[in-house]
C-alpha atoms as a PDB file:
ATOM      1  CA  MET A   1     -30.505  35.571  26.470  1.00  0.00           C
ATOM      2  CA  LYS A   2     -29.702  36.246  22.798  1.00  0.00           C
ATOM      3  CA  LYS A   3     -26.001  36.214  23.658  1.00  0.00           C
ATOM      4  CA  PHE A   4     -26.412  32.766  25.252  1.00  0.00           C
ATOM      5  CA  TYR A   5     -28.088  31.320  22.134  1.00  0.00           C
ATOM      6  CA  PHE A   6     -25.518  32.937  19.868  1.00  0.00           C
ATOM      7  CA  LEU A   7     -22.662  31.481  21.956  1.00  0.00           C
ATOM      8  CA  LEU A   8     -24.336  28.060  21.971  1.00  0.00           C
ATOM      9  CA  LEU A   9     -24.743  28.227  18.191  1.00  0.00           C
ATOM     10  CA  ILE A  10     -21.032  29.059  17.738  1.00  0.00           C
ATOM     11  CA  ILE A  11     -19.994  26.185  20.015  1.00  0.00           C
ATOM     12  CA  LEU A  12     -22.238  23.718  18.172  1.00  0.00           C
ATOM     13  CA  PHE A  13     -21.024  24.914  14.769  1.00  0.00           C
ATOM     14  CA  ASN A  14     -17.368  24.686  15.827  1.00  0.00           C
ATOM     15  CA  SER A  15     -17.775  21.148  17.196  1.00  0.00           C
ATOM     16  CA  GLU A  16     -19.593  20.123  14.003  1.00  0.00           C
ATOM     17  CA  VAL A  17     -16.751  21.487  11.859  1.00  0.00           C
ATOM     18  CA  GLN A  18     -14.231  19.563  13.980  1.00  0.00           C
ATOM     19  CA  ALA A  19     -16.306  16.396  13.779  1.00  0.00           C
ATOM     20  CA  SER A  20     -16.600  16.792  10.048  1.00  0.00           C
ATOM     21  CA  GLU A  21     -12.805  17.182   9.636  1.00  0.00           C
ATOM     22  CA  LYS A  22     -12.203  14.161  11.847  1.00  0.00           C
ATOM     23  CA  ASP A  23     -14.754  12.154   9.849  1.00  0.00           C
ATOM     24  CA  LYS A  24     -13.031  13.128   6.583  1.00  0.00           C
ATOM     25  CA  ILE A  25      -9.636  12.059   7.932  1.00  0.00           C
ATOM     26  CA  ILE A  26     -11.075   8.725   9.084  1.00  0.00           C
ATOM     27  CA  GLU A  27     -12.859   8.174   5.763  1.00  0.00           C
ATOM     28  CA  ASN A  28      -9.657   9.004   3.878  1.00  0.00           C
ATOM     29  CA  LEU A  29      -7.685   6.496   5.990  1.00  0.00           C
ATOM     30  CA  LYS A  30     -10.314   3.803   5.453  1.00  0.00           C
ATOM     31  CA  ASN A  31      -9.943   4.178   1.675  1.00  0.00           C
ATOM     32  CA  ILE A  32      -6.156   3.822   1.639  1.00  0.00           C
ATOM     33  CA  LYS A  33      -4.538   0.464   0.921  1.00  0.00           C
ATOM     34  CA  ASN A  34      -1.070   1.904   0.379  1.00  0.00           C
ATOM     35  CA  ILE A  35       0.763   5.197  -0.005  1.00  0.00           C
ATOM     36  CA  ILE A  36       4.028   6.167  -1.638  1.00  0.00           C
ATOM     37  CA  PHE A  37       5.703   9.421  -0.617  1.00  0.00           C
ATOM     38  CA  ASN A  38       8.906  11.391  -0.362  1.00  0.00           C
ATOM     39  CA  PHE A  39       9.999  12.081   3.179  1.00  0.00           C
ATOM     40  CA  GLU A  40      12.298  14.199   5.259  1.00  0.00           C
ATOM     41  CA  GLN A  41      13.145  12.771   8.661  1.00  0.00           C
ATOM     42  CA  ASN A  42      14.812  14.536  11.565  1.00  0.00           C
ATOM     43  CA  ILE A  43      16.054  12.260  14.350  1.00  0.00           C
ATOM     44  CA  ASN A  44      17.882  14.085  17.118  1.00  0.00           C
ATOM     45  CA  ASN A  45      18.781  16.890  14.656  1.00  0.00           C
ATOM     46  CA  GLU A  46      20.147  14.537  11.972  1.00  0.00           C
ATOM     47  CA  ILE A  47      18.180  15.030   8.734  1.00  0.00           C
ATOM     48  CA  GLU A  48      17.694  12.255   6.180  1.00  0.00           C
ATOM     49  CA  LYS A  49      15.558  12.151   3.021  1.00  0.00           C
ATOM     50  CA  GLY A  50      14.193   9.428   0.803  1.00  0.00           C
ATOM     51  CA  VAL A  51      11.141   7.631  -0.560  1.00  0.00           C
ATOM     52  CA  CYS A  52       8.776   5.326   1.348  1.00  0.00           C
ATOM     53  CA  THR A  53       5.967   2.942   0.576  1.00  0.00           C
ATOM     54  CA  ILE A  54       3.463   1.970   3.255  1.00  0.00           C
ATOM     55  CA  GLN A  55       1.008  -0.856   2.799  1.00  0.00           C
ATOM     56  CA  TYR A  56      -1.557  -1.290   5.533  1.00  0.00           C
ATOM     57  CA  PRO A  57      -1.385  -3.052   7.862  1.00  0.00           C
ATOM     58  CA  LYS A  58       2.109  -2.570   9.237  1.00  0.00           C
ATOM     59  CA  LYS A  59       4.329  -2.811   6.159  1.00  0.00           C
ATOM     60  CA  ILE A  60       6.845  -0.189   5.109  1.00  0.00           C
ATOM     61  CA  PHE A  61       9.784   0.097   2.738  1.00  0.00           C
ATOM     62  CA  CYS A  62      11.983   3.221   2.788  1.00  0.00           C
ATOM     63  CA  LYS A  63      15.012   3.911   0.651  1.00  0.00           C
ATOM     64  CA  TYR A  64      17.109   6.778   1.927  1.00  0.00           C
ATOM     65  CA  ASN A  65      19.022   9.185  -0.308  1.00  0.00           C
ATOM     66  CA  SER A  66      22.318   8.413   1.371  1.00  0.00           C
ATOM     67  CA  ALA A  67      25.783   7.268   0.409  1.00  0.00           C
ATOM     68  CA  ASN A  68      25.486   4.286   2.759  1.00  0.00           C
ATOM     69  CA  GLN A  69      22.416   2.960   0.844  1.00  0.00           C
ATOM     70  CA  LYS A  70      20.213   2.858   3.935  1.00  0.00           C
ATOM     71  CA  ILE A  71      16.892   1.033   3.731  1.00  0.00           C
ATOM     72  CA  LEU A  72      14.203   0.450   6.344  1.00  0.00           C
ATOM     73  CA  VAL A  73      11.788  -2.449   5.861  1.00  0.00           C
ATOM     74  CA  SER A  74       8.939  -3.938   7.876  1.00  0.00           C
ATOM     75  CA  ASP A  75       7.087  -7.079   6.859  1.00  0.00           C
ATOM     76  CA  GLY A  76       4.436  -6.453   9.520  1.00  0.00           C
ATOM     77  CA  LYS A  77       6.276  -8.293  12.296  1.00  0.00           C
ATOM     78  CA  LEU A  78       9.949  -7.343  12.024  1.00  0.00           C
ATOM     79  CA  LEU A  79      11.671  -4.047  11.267  1.00  0.00           C
ATOM     80  CA  ALA A  80      15.081  -4.104   9.565  1.00  0.00           C
ATOM     81  CA  ILE A  81      17.430  -1.182   9.035  1.00  0.00           C
ATOM     82  CA  LYS A  82      20.272  -1.980   6.673  1.00  0.00           C
ATOM     83  CA  THR A  83      23.189   0.077   5.373  1.00  0.00           C
ATOM     84  CA  LEU A  84      26.416  -0.864   3.609  1.00  0.00           C
ATOM     85  CA  SER A  85      28.108  -1.364   6.969  1.00  0.00           C
ATOM     86  CA  SER A  86      25.352  -2.215   9.480  1.00  0.00           C
ATOM     87  CA  TYR A  87      22.241  -4.298   9.970  1.00  0.00           C
ATOM     88  CA  TYR A  88      19.656  -3.951  12.753  1.00  0.00           C
ATOM     89  CA  LEU A  89      16.628  -6.144  13.276  1.00  0.00           C
ATOM     90  CA  TYR A  90      13.840  -5.292  15.725  1.00  0.00           C
ATOM     91  CA  SER A  91      10.433  -6.605  16.573  1.00  0.00           C
ATOM     92  CA  LEU A  92       8.042  -4.044  15.056  1.00  0.00           C
ATOM     93  CA  ASN A  93       6.046  -3.959  18.290  1.00  0.00           C
ATOM     94  CA  GLN A  94       9.066  -2.434  20.059  1.00  0.00           C
ATOM     95  CA  THR A  95       8.861   0.707  17.901  1.00  0.00           C
ATOM     96  CA  PRO A  96       6.385   3.587  17.433  1.00  0.00           C
ATOM     97  CA  LEU A  97       5.921   2.401  13.816  1.00  0.00           C
ATOM     98  CA  GLU A  98       3.864  -0.475  15.262  1.00  0.00           C
ATOM     99  CA  PHE A  99       1.092   2.099  15.764  1.00  0.00           C
ATOM    100  CA  ILE A 100       1.700   4.474  12.848  1.00  0.00           C
ATOM    101  CA  LEU A 101       1.527   1.589  10.349  1.00  0.00           C
ATOM    102  CA  ASP A 102      -1.734   0.212  11.789  1.00  0.00           C
ATOM    103  CA  LYS A 103      -4.541   2.235  10.229  1.00  0.00           C
ATOM    104  CA  GLU A 104      -7.275   0.473  12.238  1.00  0.00           C
ATOM    105  CA  PHE A 105      -5.467   1.485  15.429  1.00  0.00           C
ATOM    106  CA  LEU A 106      -5.063   5.046  14.079  1.00  0.00           C
ATOM    107  CA  ILE A 107      -8.733   5.297  13.165  1.00  0.00           C
ATOM    108  CA  LYS A 108      -9.754   4.157  16.638  1.00  0.00           C
ATOM    109  CA  ARG A 109      -7.377   6.590  18.369  1.00  0.00           C
ATOM    110  CA  ILE A 110      -8.318   9.518  16.100  1.00  0.00           C
ATOM    111  CA  ASN A 111     -11.994   8.813  16.642  1.00  0.00           C
ATOM    112  CA  ASN A 112     -11.501   9.130  20.420  1.00  0.00           C
ATOM    113  CA  ALA A 113      -8.958  11.986  20.400  1.00  0.00           C
ATOM    114  CA  ASP A 114      -9.292  15.739  20.456  1.00  0.00           C
ATOM    115  CA  GLN A 115      -7.879  17.498  17.468  1.00  0.00           C
ATOM    116  CA  ARG A 116      -5.762  20.601  17.391  1.00  0.00           C
ATOM    117  CA  ILE A 117      -5.313  22.996  14.471  1.00  0.00           C
ATOM    118  CA  VAL A 118      -1.677  23.975  13.841  1.00  0.00           C
ATOM    119  CA  ASP A 119      -0.831  27.115  11.795  1.00  0.00           C
ATOM    120  CA  ASP A 120      -4.290  27.014  10.171  1.00  0.00           C
ATOM    121  CA  LYS A 121      -2.912  24.277   7.861  1.00  0.00           C
ATOM    122  CA  TYR A 122      -2.585  21.072   9.839  1.00  0.00           C
ATOM    123  CA  ILE A 123      -4.843  18.937  11.980  1.00  0.00           C
ATOM    124  CA  ASN A 124      -2.970  17.261  14.824  1.00  0.00           C
ATOM    125  CA  PHE A 125      -3.884  14.286  17.005  1.00  0.00           C
ATOM    126  CA  SER A 126      -1.661  13.316  19.948  1.00  0.00           C
ATOM    127  CA  PHE A 127      -1.595  10.205  22.089  1.00  0.00           C
ATOM    128  CA  THR A 128       0.732   8.006  24.099  1.00  0.00           C
ATOM    129  CA  GLU A 129       0.898   4.264  23.592  1.00  0.00           C
ATOM    130  CA  ASN A 130       3.321   1.853  25.321  1.00  0.00           C
ATOM    131  CA  GLN A 131       5.576   4.720  26.464  1.00  0.00           C
ATOM    132  CA  ASN A 132       5.683   6.179  22.936  1.00  0.00           C
ATOM    133  CA  GLU A 133       4.435   9.744  22.404  1.00  0.00           C
ATOM    134  CA  ILE A 134       2.890   9.995  18.940  1.00  0.00           C
ATOM    135  CA  ASN A 135       1.717  13.130  17.117  1.00  0.00           C
ATOM    136  CA  LEU A 136       0.012  12.709  13.758  1.00  0.00           C
ATOM    137  CA  PHE A 137      -0.420  15.587  11.320  1.00  0.00           C
ATOM    138  CA  PHE A 138      -2.987  15.762   8.518  1.00  0.00           C
ATOM    139  CA  ASP A 139      -3.473  18.360   5.793  1.00  0.00           C
ATOM    140  CA  ASN A 140      -6.637  20.351   6.557  1.00  0.00           C
ATOM    141  CA  LYS A 141      -7.581  20.567   2.860  1.00  0.00           C
ATOM    142  CA  ASN A 142      -7.169  17.026   1.498  1.00  0.00           C
ATOM    143  CA  PHE A 143      -7.019  15.215   4.891  1.00  0.00           C
ATOM    144  CA  ASN A 144      -3.895  13.244   3.929  1.00  0.00           C
ATOM    145  CA  LEU A 145      -1.423  12.151   6.559  1.00  0.00           C
ATOM    146  CA  ILE A 146       1.488  14.568   6.076  1.00  0.00           C
ATOM    147  CA  GLY A 147       3.732  13.648   8.963  1.00  0.00           C
ATOM    148  CA  TRP A 148       4.324  12.328  12.422  1.00  0.00           C
ATOM    149  CA  GLN A 149       6.436  13.049  15.427  1.00  0.00           C
ATOM    150  CA  THR A 150       7.374  10.369  17.912  1.00  0.00           C
ATOM    151  CA  LYS A 151       9.263  10.192  21.133  1.00  0.00           C
ATOM    152  CA  ASP A 152      10.193   6.689  22.156  1.00  0.00           C
ATOM    153  CA  MET A 153      10.816   5.221  25.592  1.00  0.00           C
ATOM    154  CA  TYR A 154      14.458   6.405  25.359  1.00  0.00           C
ATOM    155  CA  GLN A 155      13.256   9.989  24.675  1.00  0.00           C
ATOM    156  CA  ASN A 156      14.580   9.963  21.093  1.00  0.00           C
ATOM    157  CA  LEU A 157      12.647  12.561  19.093  1.00  0.00           C
ATOM    158  CA  SER A 158      11.859  11.675  15.480  1.00  0.00           C
ATOM    159  CA  ILE A 159      10.002  14.029  13.114  1.00  0.00           C
ATOM    160  CA  THR A 160       8.931  12.808   9.676  1.00  0.00           C
ATOM    161  CA  PHE A 161       7.424  15.040   6.957  1.00  0.00           C
ATOM    162  CA  LEU A 162       5.632  13.499   3.955  1.00  0.00           C
ATOM    163  CA  ASN A 163       5.164  15.068   0.530  1.00  0.00           C
ATOM    164  CA  SER A 164       4.315  14.051  -3.042  1.00  0.00           C
ATOM    165  CA  ILE A 165       1.852  11.489  -1.675  1.00  0.00           C
ATOM    166  CA  VAL A 166       0.363   8.939  -4.095  1.00  0.00           C
ATOM    167  CA  LYS A 167      -2.324   6.501  -2.929  1.00  0.00           C
ATOM    168  CA  ASN A 168      -3.388   2.979  -3.844  1.00  0.00           C
ATOM    169  CA  GLN A 169      -0.778   2.086  -6.442  1.00  0.00           C
ATOM    170  CA  LYS A 170       0.125  -1.356  -7.708  1.00  0.00           C
ATOM    171  CA  LEU A 171       3.200  -2.355  -5.686  1.00  0.00           C
ATOM    172  CA  LYS A 172       6.201  -4.420  -6.656  1.00  0.00           C
ATOM    173  CA  LYS A 173       5.998  -7.971  -5.329  1.00  0.00           C
ATOM    174  CA  GLY A 174       8.393  -8.735  -2.457  1.00  0.00           C
ATOM    175  CA  ILE A 175       9.058  -5.079  -1.612  1.00  0.00           C
ATOM    176  CA  PHE A 176       8.361  -5.689   2.098  1.00  0.00           C
ATOM    177  CA  GLN A 177      10.611  -8.731   2.421  1.00  0.00           C
ATOM    178  CA  ILE A 178      13.160  -8.406   5.229  1.00  0.00           C
ATOM    179  CA  PRO A 179      16.628  -8.108   3.638  1.00  0.00           C
ATOM    180  CA  GLU A 180      19.395 -10.590   4.356  1.00  0.00           C
ATOM    181  CA  ARG A 181      22.374  -9.602   6.470  1.00  0.00           C
ATOM    182  CA  GLY A 182      25.570  -8.745   4.656  1.00  0.00           C
END
């Protein structure tokens, strides 16, 4: 009987620790208006680096460290990818970023998801939305979002790592404006 109570106590303690981590992640997300970070992105084994700014909800500006001067911008509705030689424009809701850039959506999904500890350093939440597989990774010490992995409806795998994260900064006006072609 003592073994039963001891096991029950361990299970309750473990679920409380998980709930507490999840609550801290949710509280951290609720307090974020914007984040600026360096990133490393691996899409189908092609690695790119740069700096991004996210403003919730659904706005992002990324400047890549590349010779072709690549930028990625979302104004909350459209997503533009522009280089020296190309220009692509998508509806944001056709991409996994539709969900990653929506903190209210993330909070709801995290609240209802099971968490997984990865390498004793990261807290992971996984879900599928509109044929997009999304894995979110949070630091288990400061509960910051530190990366995501997505697989879109075409099975393209994209892994993004965040570092040097700064929260709630004053942002330059017009940063999320969709760039002109050409």
